[in-house]
Amino acid sequence: MIEAILWDNDGILVDTERLFFESTRRILATIGIQLTSERFLELSMRQGRSAFDLATESGWQREQVTNLKRQRDLVYSKMLRKETRILPGVAETLKTLHGHTRMAVVTSSQRQHFDVMHANLGLVRYFEFVLAREDYGKTKPDPESYLLALERLGIKAPNCVAVEDSERGLMGDNHTSRATTIRIPDQRQ
């Protein structure tokens, strides 16, 4: 019996992945690194790596890369305030499930970004809790975030469904003792 649904955020609940890519692309371009959407997808969505690894591989020092990430975070936050959109059917689905199924969000987004993107959307009320990047040590595809969510819910993996859209998220879920996973393909292309 399914007792809970664990939702990814970016690309599942809200359309923000394009904004994260664009803000990262803009900042890397300032140091001469041209980031394509294909390379970004491979690094971030499949491998679970940072696109800023490209700066490190080009000889940029850790402190410099940290500063570049801060610049990206500022650009990304501005974009989130203006351009975050709920994906079609999400609000209706959450409203229908609310009160019948326990739900939580398990995201690799930083808490500051999650809060900005959800400030005026009205979706957070449907979830028992949100696990953001700062709430756990290792990000997806490591299963730590899902295992923590299961622990907080007090349920076992076979009684849970995870809704993901990326290969890296699916890999993390598959290590949580056989939780059921639903993959939502990217419909925006």
Protein backbone atom coordinates (compact mmCIF):
# COMPACT_ATOMS: atom_id res chain seq x y z
CA MET A 1 0.00 0.00 0.00
CA ILE A 2 1.31 3.43 -0.94
CA GLU A 3 1.52 5.64 2.14
CA ALA A 4 3.45 8.61 0.77
CA ILE A 5 4.67 10.39 -2.34
CA LEU A 6 8.09 12.07 -2.45
CA TRP A 7 8.21 14.79 -5.08
CA ASP A 8 11.27 16.20 -6.77
CA ASN A 9 10.87 19.94 -7.29
CA ASP A 10 12.64 21.35 -10.35
CA GLY A 11 11.15 19.95 -13.54
CA ILE A 12 8.36 18.15 -11.64
CA LEU A 13 6.52 20.82 -9.67
CA VAL A 14 7.97 23.98 -11.17
CA ASP A 15 9.62 24.94 -14.45
CA THR A 16 12.97 26.24 -13.22
CA GLU A 17 15.64 24.05 -14.80
CA ARG A 18 15.94 26.34 -17.81
CA LEU A 19 16.51 29.28 -15.45
CA PHE A 20 19.25 27.45 -13.55
CA PHE A 21 20.94 26.53 -16.82
CA GLU A 22 20.71 30.08 -18.17
CA SER A 23 22.07 31.70 -15.01
CA THR A 24 24.95 29.20 -14.92
CA ARG A 25 25.63 29.66 -18.65
CA ARG A 26 25.77 33.45 -18.26
CA ILE A 27 28.26 33.39 -15.40
CA LEU A 28 30.53 30.79 -17.00
CA ALA A 29 30.54 32.87 -20.21
CA THR A 30 32.09 35.75 -18.25
CA ILE A 31 35.24 33.62 -17.84
CA GLY A 32 35.25 32.30 -21.40
CA ILE A 33 33.53 28.95 -20.82
CA GLN A 34 30.75 28.23 -23.27
CA LEU A 35 28.18 25.94 -21.65
CA THR A 36 25.77 24.20 -24.00
CA SER A 37 22.47 22.74 -22.85
CA GLU A 38 23.71 19.27 -23.85
CA ARG A 39 26.85 19.58 -21.70
CA PHE A 40 24.82 20.98 -18.81
CA LEU A 41 22.36 18.07 -18.99
CA GLU A 42 25.19 15.56 -19.03
CA LEU A 43 27.05 17.11 -16.09
CA SER A 44 24.20 18.21 -13.85
CA MET A 45 21.24 16.04 -14.63
CA ARG A 46 22.95 12.75 -15.43
CA GLN A 47 26.23 12.80 -13.51
CA GLY A 48 25.15 14.96 -10.58
CA ARG A 49 28.19 17.21 -11.03
CA SER A 50 28.38 20.98 -11.00
CA ALA A 51 28.84 22.81 -14.29
CA PHE A 52 31.36 24.87 -12.35
CA ASP A 53 33.66 21.83 -12.47
CA LEU A 54 34.44 23.16 -15.95
CA ALA A 55 35.95 26.26 -14.33
CA THR A 56 38.01 24.13 -11.94
CA GLU A 57 39.21 21.98 -14.85
CA SER A 58 40.24 25.21 -16.62
CA GLY A 59 42.50 26.19 -13.73
CA TRP A 60 40.23 28.44 -11.67
CA GLN A 61 40.90 28.21 -7.93
CA ARG A 62 38.32 27.03 -5.39
CA GLU A 63 37.77 30.54 -3.99
CA GLN A 64 37.25 31.94 -7.48
CA VAL A 65 34.75 29.19 -8.33
CA THR A 66 32.90 29.83 -5.06
CA ASN A 67 32.61 33.50 -6.05
CA LEU A 68 31.31 32.52 -9.50
CA LYS A 69 28.66 30.33 -7.87
CA ARG A 70 27.60 33.25 -5.65
CA GLN A 71 27.22 35.42 -8.74
CA ARG A 72 25.15 32.68 -10.39
CA ASP A 73 22.98 32.37 -7.28
CA LEU A 74 22.18 36.09 -7.42
CA VAL A 75 21.26 35.94 -11.10
CA TYR A 76 19.24 32.76 -10.54
CA SER A 77 17.32 34.27 -7.60
CA LYS A 78 16.37 37.31 -9.70
CA MET A 79 15.16 35.04 -12.48
CA LEU A 80 13.19 32.88 -10.04
CA ARG A 81 11.33 35.89 -8.66
CA LYS A 82 10.14 36.86 -12.13
CA GLU A 83 9.90 33.65 -14.12
CA THR A 84 9.03 30.62 -11.92
CA ARG A 85 5.99 28.78 -13.25
CA ILE A 86 4.02 25.83 -11.89
CA LEU A 87 4.05 23.02 -14.43
CA PRO A 88 0.68 22.12 -16.00
CA GLY A 89 -1.56 19.89 -13.88
CA VAL A 90 0.60 20.11 -10.74
CA ALA A 91 -1.66 22.31 -8.60
CA GLU A 92 -4.73 20.24 -9.46
CA THR A 93 -2.92 16.95 -8.75
CA LEU A 94 -1.59 18.11 -5.38
CA LYS A 95 -4.99 19.45 -4.36
CA THR A 96 -6.62 16.13 -5.24
CA LEU A 97 -4.03 14.08 -3.33
CA HIS A 98 -3.91 16.39 -0.30
CA GLY A 99 -5.54 14.81 2.74
CA HIS A 100 -5.49 11.35 1.13
CA THR A 101 -1.75 10.72 0.75
CA ARG A 102 1.19 11.99 2.75
CA MET A 103 3.52 14.06 0.60
CA ALA A 104 6.95 15.67 0.92
CA VAL A 105 9.46 17.36 -1.38
CA VAL A 106 12.99 16.00 -1.81
CA THR A 107 15.01 18.50 -3.83
CA SER A 108 18.62 19.26 -4.65
CA SER A 109 17.74 22.95 -4.74
CA GLN A 110 19.23 25.20 -2.10
CA ARG A 111 16.70 26.27 0.52
CA GLN A 112 17.10 29.95 -0.44
CA HIS A 113 16.15 29.16 -4.03
CA PHE A 114 13.30 26.86 -3.06
CA ASP A 115 11.84 29.57 -0.82
CA VAL A 116 12.12 32.23 -3.55
CA MET A 117 10.51 30.06 -6.21
CA HIS A 118 7.65 28.98 -3.93
CA ALA A 119 7.05 32.33 -2.22
CA ASN A 120 3.84 33.04 -4.13
CA LEU A 121 2.86 29.71 -5.70
CA GLY A 122 0.76 28.18 -2.91
CA LEU A 123 2.10 24.64 -3.31
CA VAL A 124 4.06 24.23 -0.06
CA ARG A 125 0.85 23.85 1.98
CA TYR A 126 0.33 20.41 0.43
CA PHE A 127 3.56 18.94 1.84
CA GLU A 128 4.44 17.71 5.33
CA PHE A 129 8.00 18.94 4.85
CA VAL A 130 10.61 19.95 2.30
CA LEU A 131 14.13 18.54 2.27
CA ALA A 132 16.40 21.00 0.49
CA ARG A 133 20.11 20.70 -0.32
CA GLU A 134 21.26 21.92 3.10
CA ASP A 135 19.21 19.27 4.93
CA TYR A 136 21.46 16.33 4.00
CA GLY A 137 25.11 15.66 3.26
CA LYS A 138 25.23 13.98 -0.14
CA THR A 139 23.10 15.07 -3.07
CA LYS A 140 21.34 12.89 -5.62
CA PRO A 141 22.17 10.34 -6.99
CA ASP A 142 23.24 9.37 -3.46
CA PRO A 143 20.12 7.99 -1.71
CA GLU A 144 20.72 9.96 1.51
CA SER A 145 17.98 12.53 0.83
CA TYR A 146 15.37 9.85 0.15
CA LEU A 147 16.43 7.79 3.16
CA LEU A 148 16.08 10.87 5.37
CA ALA A 149 12.60 11.55 3.95
CA LEU A 150 11.55 7.96 4.65
CA GLU A 151 12.89 8.24 8.20
CA ARG A 152 10.98 11.50 8.81
CA LEU A 153 7.81 9.96 7.45
CA GLY A 154 8.35 6.78 9.48
CA ILE A 155 7.64 4.52 6.52
CA LYS A 156 9.48 1.87 4.54
CA ALA A 157 10.53 2.36 0.92
CA PRO A 158 8.11 -0.17 -0.62
CA ASN A 159 5.25 1.95 0.76
CA CYS A 160 6.42 5.08 -1.01
CA VAL A 161 6.41 6.52 -4.52
CA ALA A 162 9.08 8.95 -5.72
CA VAL A 163 8.34 11.26 -8.63
CA GLU A 164 11.50 12.28 -10.51
CA ASP A 165 12.47 13.60 -13.91
CA SER A 166 16.25 13.18 -14.02
CA GLU A 167 18.45 10.15 -14.38
CA ARG A 168 20.48 11.21 -11.35
CA GLY A 169 17.36 11.47 -9.19
CA LEU A 170 16.17 8.08 -10.34
CA MET A 171 19.52 6.51 -9.53
CA GLY A 172 19.32 7.84 -5.97
CA ASP A 173 15.81 6.54 -5.47
CA ASN A 174 16.67 3.09 -6.78
CA HIS A 175 19.07 2.63 -3.87
CA THR A 176 16.39 3.19 -1.23
CA SER A 177 15.34 -0.45 -0.92
CA ARG A 178 13.01 -0.61 -3.87
CA ALA A 179 10.79 2.42 -3.53
CA THR A 180 8.51 2.75 -6.53
CA THR A 181 9.65 5.48 -8.88
CA ILE A 182 7.64 7.37 -11.44
CA ARG A 183 9.70 9.17 -14.03
CA ILE A 184 8.06 12.16 -15.66
CA PRO A 185 9.72 12.86 -19.01
CA ASP A 186 10.54 16.43 -19.91
CA GLN A 187 7.49 17.66 -21.84
CA ARG A 188 8.81 21.19 -22.44
CA GLN A 189 11.13 20.43 -25.35
